[in-house]
N, C-alpha and C. Protein backbone atom coordinates (compact mmCIF):
# COMPACT_ATOMS: atom_id res chain seq x y z
N UNK A 1 4.37 7.18 -125.85
CA UNK A 1 4.45 5.95 -126.51
C UNK A 1 2.93 5.52 -126.23
N UNK A 2 2.42 5.48 -125.31
CA UNK A 2 1.25 4.69 -124.74
C UNK A 2 0.22 5.79 -125.98
N UNK A 3 0.39 6.50 -126.26
CA UNK A 3 -0.44 7.29 -126.73
C UNK A 3 -0.52 6.82 -128.90
N UNK A 4 0.66 6.60 -128.99
CA UNK A 4 1.07 5.87 -130.19
C UNK A 4 0.42 4.90 -130.10
N UNK A 5 0.56 3.65 -129.23
CA UNK A 5 -0.29 2.62 -129.06
C UNK A 5 -1.70 2.62 -128.61
N UNK A 6 -2.29 3.26 -128.21
CA UNK A 6 -4.03 3.84 -127.81
C UNK A 6 -4.48 3.69 -129.23
N UNK A 7 -3.53 5.02 -130.33
CA UNK A 7 -4.11 5.32 -131.40
C UNK A 7 -3.60 4.30 -132.96
N UNK A 8 -2.70 3.47 -132.44
CA UNK A 8 -2.23 2.62 -133.07
C UNK A 8 -1.82 2.78 -134.15
N UNK A 9 -0.58 4.35 -134.03
CA UNK A 9 0.15 4.94 -134.57
C UNK A 9 1.75 4.05 -134.50
N UNK A 10 2.05 2.75 -133.79
CA UNK A 10 2.92 2.32 -133.54
C UNK A 10 3.55 2.16 -134.71
N UNK A 11 5.09 1.81 -134.53
CA UNK A 11 5.62 1.49 -135.20
C UNK A 11 5.67 0.10 -135.52
N UNK A 12 5.86 -0.89 -136.63
CA UNK A 12 6.25 -2.51 -136.45
C UNK A 12 6.98 -2.52 -136.28
N UNK A 13 7.26 -3.77 -135.53
CA UNK A 13 9.01 -4.32 -134.93
C UNK A 13 10.00 -4.34 -136.41
N UNK A 14 11.15 -4.28 -135.89
CA UNK A 14 12.46 -4.53 -136.98
C UNK A 14 12.25 -6.15 -137.56
N UNK A 15 13.42 -6.16 -138.21
CA UNK A 15 13.22 -7.46 -138.81
C UNK A 15 14.12 -8.45 -137.84
N UNK A 16 15.22 -7.45 -137.45
CA UNK A 16 15.89 -7.71 -136.12
C UNK A 16 15.18 -8.41 -134.91
N UNK A 17 13.85 -7.43 -134.58
CA UNK A 17 13.40 -8.05 -133.62
C UNK A 17 12.65 -9.52 -133.58
N UNK A 18 12.01 -9.70 -135.24
CA UNK A 18 11.33 -10.59 -135.48
C UNK A 18 12.58 -12.12 -135.32
N UNK A 19 13.90 -11.97 -135.86
CA UNK A 19 14.68 -12.92 -135.65
C UNK A 19 14.75 -12.96 -134.54
N UNK A 20 14.88 -11.96 -133.55
CA UNK A 20 15.17 -12.27 -131.94
C UNK A 20 14.47 -13.28 -131.13
N UNK A 21 12.96 -12.65 -131.56
CA UNK A 21 12.22 -13.53 -130.85
C UNK A 21 12.02 -14.84 -131.60
N UNK A 22 11.87 -15.15 -133.03
CA UNK A 22 12.01 -16.46 -133.15
C UNK A 22 12.86 -17.63 -132.78
N UNK A 23 14.14 -16.90 -132.61
CA UNK A 23 15.16 -17.18 -131.60
C UNK A 23 15.17 -17.94 -130.10
N UNK A 24 14.91 -17.12 -129.83
CA UNK A 24 13.97 -16.93 -128.73
C UNK A 24 13.23 -18.61 -128.17
N UNK A 25 12.19 -18.57 -129.26
CA UNK A 25 11.64 -19.68 -129.18
C UNK A 25 12.36 -20.99 -129.22
N UNK A 26 13.28 -20.65 -130.27
CA UNK A 26 13.70 -22.57 -130.88
C UNK A 26 14.36 -22.89 -129.42
N UNK A 27 14.98 -21.72 -128.78
CA UNK A 27 15.79 -21.96 -127.60
C UNK A 27 15.07 -22.98 -126.36
N UNK A 28 13.53 -22.14 -126.24
CA UNK A 28 13.11 -22.45 -125.61
C UNK A 28 12.58 -24.16 -125.84
N UNK A 29 12.15 -24.74 -126.99
CA UNK A 29 11.73 -25.69 -127.22
C UNK A 29 12.41 -27.05 -126.93
N UNK A 30 11.88 -27.89 -126.26
CA UNK A 30 12.39 -29.25 -125.65
C UNK A 30 12.38 -30.54 -126.25
N UNK A 31 13.04 -30.88 -127.47
CA UNK A 31 12.83 -31.96 -128.34
C UNK A 31 12.70 -33.10 -127.78
N UNK A 32 12.07 -33.62 -128.24
CA UNK A 32 11.60 -34.83 -127.43
C UNK A 32 11.86 -35.98 -128.54
N UNK A 33 12.26 -35.87 -129.04
CA UNK A 33 13.20 -36.90 -129.97
C UNK A 33 14.48 -36.12 -130.92
N UNK A 34 15.31 -37.14 -131.35
CA UNK A 34 16.73 -37.23 -131.99
C UNK A 34 16.04 -36.19 -133.31
N UNK A 35 15.00 -36.94 -134.07
CA UNK A 35 14.76 -35.93 -134.67
C UNK A 35 14.17 -34.67 -134.59
N UNK A 36 13.73 -34.17 -133.38
CA UNK A 36 13.13 -32.96 -133.22
C UNK A 36 14.23 -32.14 -132.85
N UNK A 37 15.33 -32.50 -132.12
CA UNK A 37 16.51 -31.86 -132.06
C UNK A 37 17.17 -31.51 -133.26
N UNK A 38 17.24 -32.07 -133.91
CA UNK A 38 18.14 -31.87 -135.21
C UNK A 38 17.33 -31.04 -136.16
N UNK A 39 16.11 -31.38 -136.20
CA UNK A 39 15.11 -29.96 -136.92
C UNK A 39 15.46 -28.97 -136.49
N UNK A 40 15.48 -28.70 -134.93
CA UNK A 40 15.64 -27.30 -134.23
C UNK A 40 17.43 -26.50 -134.43
N UNK A 41 17.71 -27.72 -134.31
CA UNK A 41 19.44 -27.15 -135.17
C UNK A 41 19.47 -26.40 -136.31
N UNK A 42 18.56 -27.59 -137.32
CA UNK A 42 18.77 -26.74 -139.14
C UNK A 42 17.94 -25.50 -138.78
N UNK A 43 17.14 -25.28 -137.62
CA UNK A 43 16.10 -24.43 -138.21
C UNK A 43 17.18 -22.79 -137.48
N UNK A 44 17.65 -23.61 -136.04
CA UNK A 44 18.03 -22.40 -135.85
C UNK A 44 19.67 -22.37 -137.01
N UNK A 45 20.04 -22.38 -137.16
CA UNK A 45 21.24 -22.16 -138.37
C UNK A 45 20.72 -21.63 -139.40
N UNK A 46 19.33 -21.94 -139.44
CA UNK A 46 19.31 -21.10 -141.03
C UNK A 46 18.80 -19.78 -140.41
N UNK A 47 18.33 -19.63 -139.27
CA UNK A 47 18.29 -18.27 -138.63
C UNK A 47 19.33 -17.67 -138.59
N UNK A 48 20.07 -18.19 -138.28
CA UNK A 48 21.56 -17.08 -138.34
C UNK A 48 22.08 -16.75 -139.72
N UNK A 49 21.84 -18.01 -140.15
CA UNK A 49 22.16 -16.98 -142.05
C UNK A 49 21.35 -16.21 -142.62
N UNK A 50 20.22 -16.65 -142.20
CA UNK A 50 18.42 -15.14 -142.60
C UNK A 50 19.36 -13.90 -141.58
N UNK A 51 20.03 -13.57 -140.39
CA UNK A 51 20.34 -13.08 -139.57
C UNK A 51 21.06 -12.29 -140.51
N UNK A 52 22.35 -12.99 -141.38
CA UNK A 52 23.48 -12.77 -141.65
C UNK A 52 23.07 -11.59 -143.16
N UNK A 53 22.37 -12.44 -143.83
CA UNK A 53 21.53 -11.84 -145.09
C UNK A 53 21.08 -10.49 -144.48
N UNK A 54 20.17 -10.59 -143.44
CA UNK A 54 19.27 -8.99 -143.26
C UNK A 54 20.57 -7.94 -142.91
N UNK A 55 21.38 -8.33 -141.89
CA UNK A 55 22.72 -7.43 -142.04
C UNK A 55 23.49 -6.96 -143.46
N UNK A 56 23.67 -7.59 -144.23
CA UNK A 56 24.03 -7.11 -145.49
C UNK A 56 23.03 -6.54 -146.22
N UNK A 57 22.32 -6.67 -146.12
CA UNK A 57 21.36 -6.39 -146.61
C UNK A 57 20.68 -4.69 -146.33
N UNK A 58 21.09 -4.48 -145.02
CA UNK A 58 20.62 -3.22 -144.30
C UNK A 58 21.89 -2.55 -144.47
N UNK A 59 23.19 -3.26 -144.60
CA UNK A 59 24.12 -2.29 -144.90
C UNK A 59 24.08 -1.50 -146.51
N UNK A 60 23.67 -2.62 -147.61
CA UNK A 60 23.41 -1.48 -148.51
C UNK A 60 23.00 -0.51 -148.56
N UNK A 61 21.45 -0.63 -147.96
CA UNK A 61 20.79 -0.09 -147.61
C UNK A 61 20.99 1.53 -147.62
N UNK A 62 22.00 1.45 -146.29
CA UNK A 62 22.32 2.64 -145.60
C UNK A 62 23.72 3.19 -146.49
N UNK A 63 24.53 1.94 -147.74
CA UNK A 63 25.62 3.40 -148.64
C UNK A 63 24.45 3.64 -149.76
N UNK A 64 23.00 2.88 -150.18
CA UNK A 64 22.64 3.56 -151.04
C UNK A 64 21.91 4.72 -150.50
N UNK A 65 21.40 4.63 -149.58
CA UNK A 65 20.63 6.18 -149.11
C UNK A 65 21.92 7.42 -148.87
N UNK A 66 22.81 6.89 -148.58
CA UNK A 66 23.68 8.03 -148.49
C UNK A 66 24.23 8.40 -150.24
N UNK A 67 24.05 7.55 -151.09
CA UNK A 67 24.72 7.87 -152.14
C UNK A 67 23.58 9.05 -152.65
N UNK A 68 21.96 8.67 -152.43
CA UNK A 68 20.84 9.06 -152.72
C UNK A 68 21.22 10.32 -152.07
N UNK A 69 21.32 10.98 -150.71
CA UNK A 69 21.68 11.93 -150.23
C UNK A 69 22.57 12.75 -150.79
N UNK A 70 23.83 11.99 -151.25
CA UNK A 70 25.16 13.05 -151.43
C UNK A 70 24.68 13.65 -153.32
N UNK A 71 23.95 12.81 -154.15
CA UNK A 71 23.05 13.21 -155.54
C UNK A 71 22.61 14.54 -154.77
N UNK A 72 21.16 13.77 -154.21
CA UNK A 72 20.24 15.02 -154.02
C UNK A 72 21.03 16.67 -154.05
N UNK A 73 21.93 16.66 -152.90
CA UNK A 73 22.56 17.69 -152.56
C UNK A 73 23.51 18.10 -154.10
N UNK A 74 24.17 17.17 -154.67
CA UNK A 74 24.78 17.72 -155.64
C UNK A 74 24.10 18.65 -156.89
N UNK A 75 22.90 18.06 -156.80
CA UNK A 75 21.82 18.20 -157.72
C UNK A 75 21.42 19.99 -157.64
N UNK A 76 21.04 20.61 -156.06
CA UNK A 76 20.92 21.52 -155.59
C UNK A 76 22.23 22.38 -156.02
């Protein structure tokens, strides 16, 4: 892992990591007004929706990868 980091070969963070990071930031923000509080609530709700869509897309990708694998096996 250290070698990968030093050589710049580390993998990019996953979408789930980005979503978790943003969620943690939203939780630590202290709203100074009712307006800020509402904006944070909306951003959190939108982030949850993005997370749901991301999970659905990942499931579809997994299904499609499995189908491609089966088709390649049948081709041989």
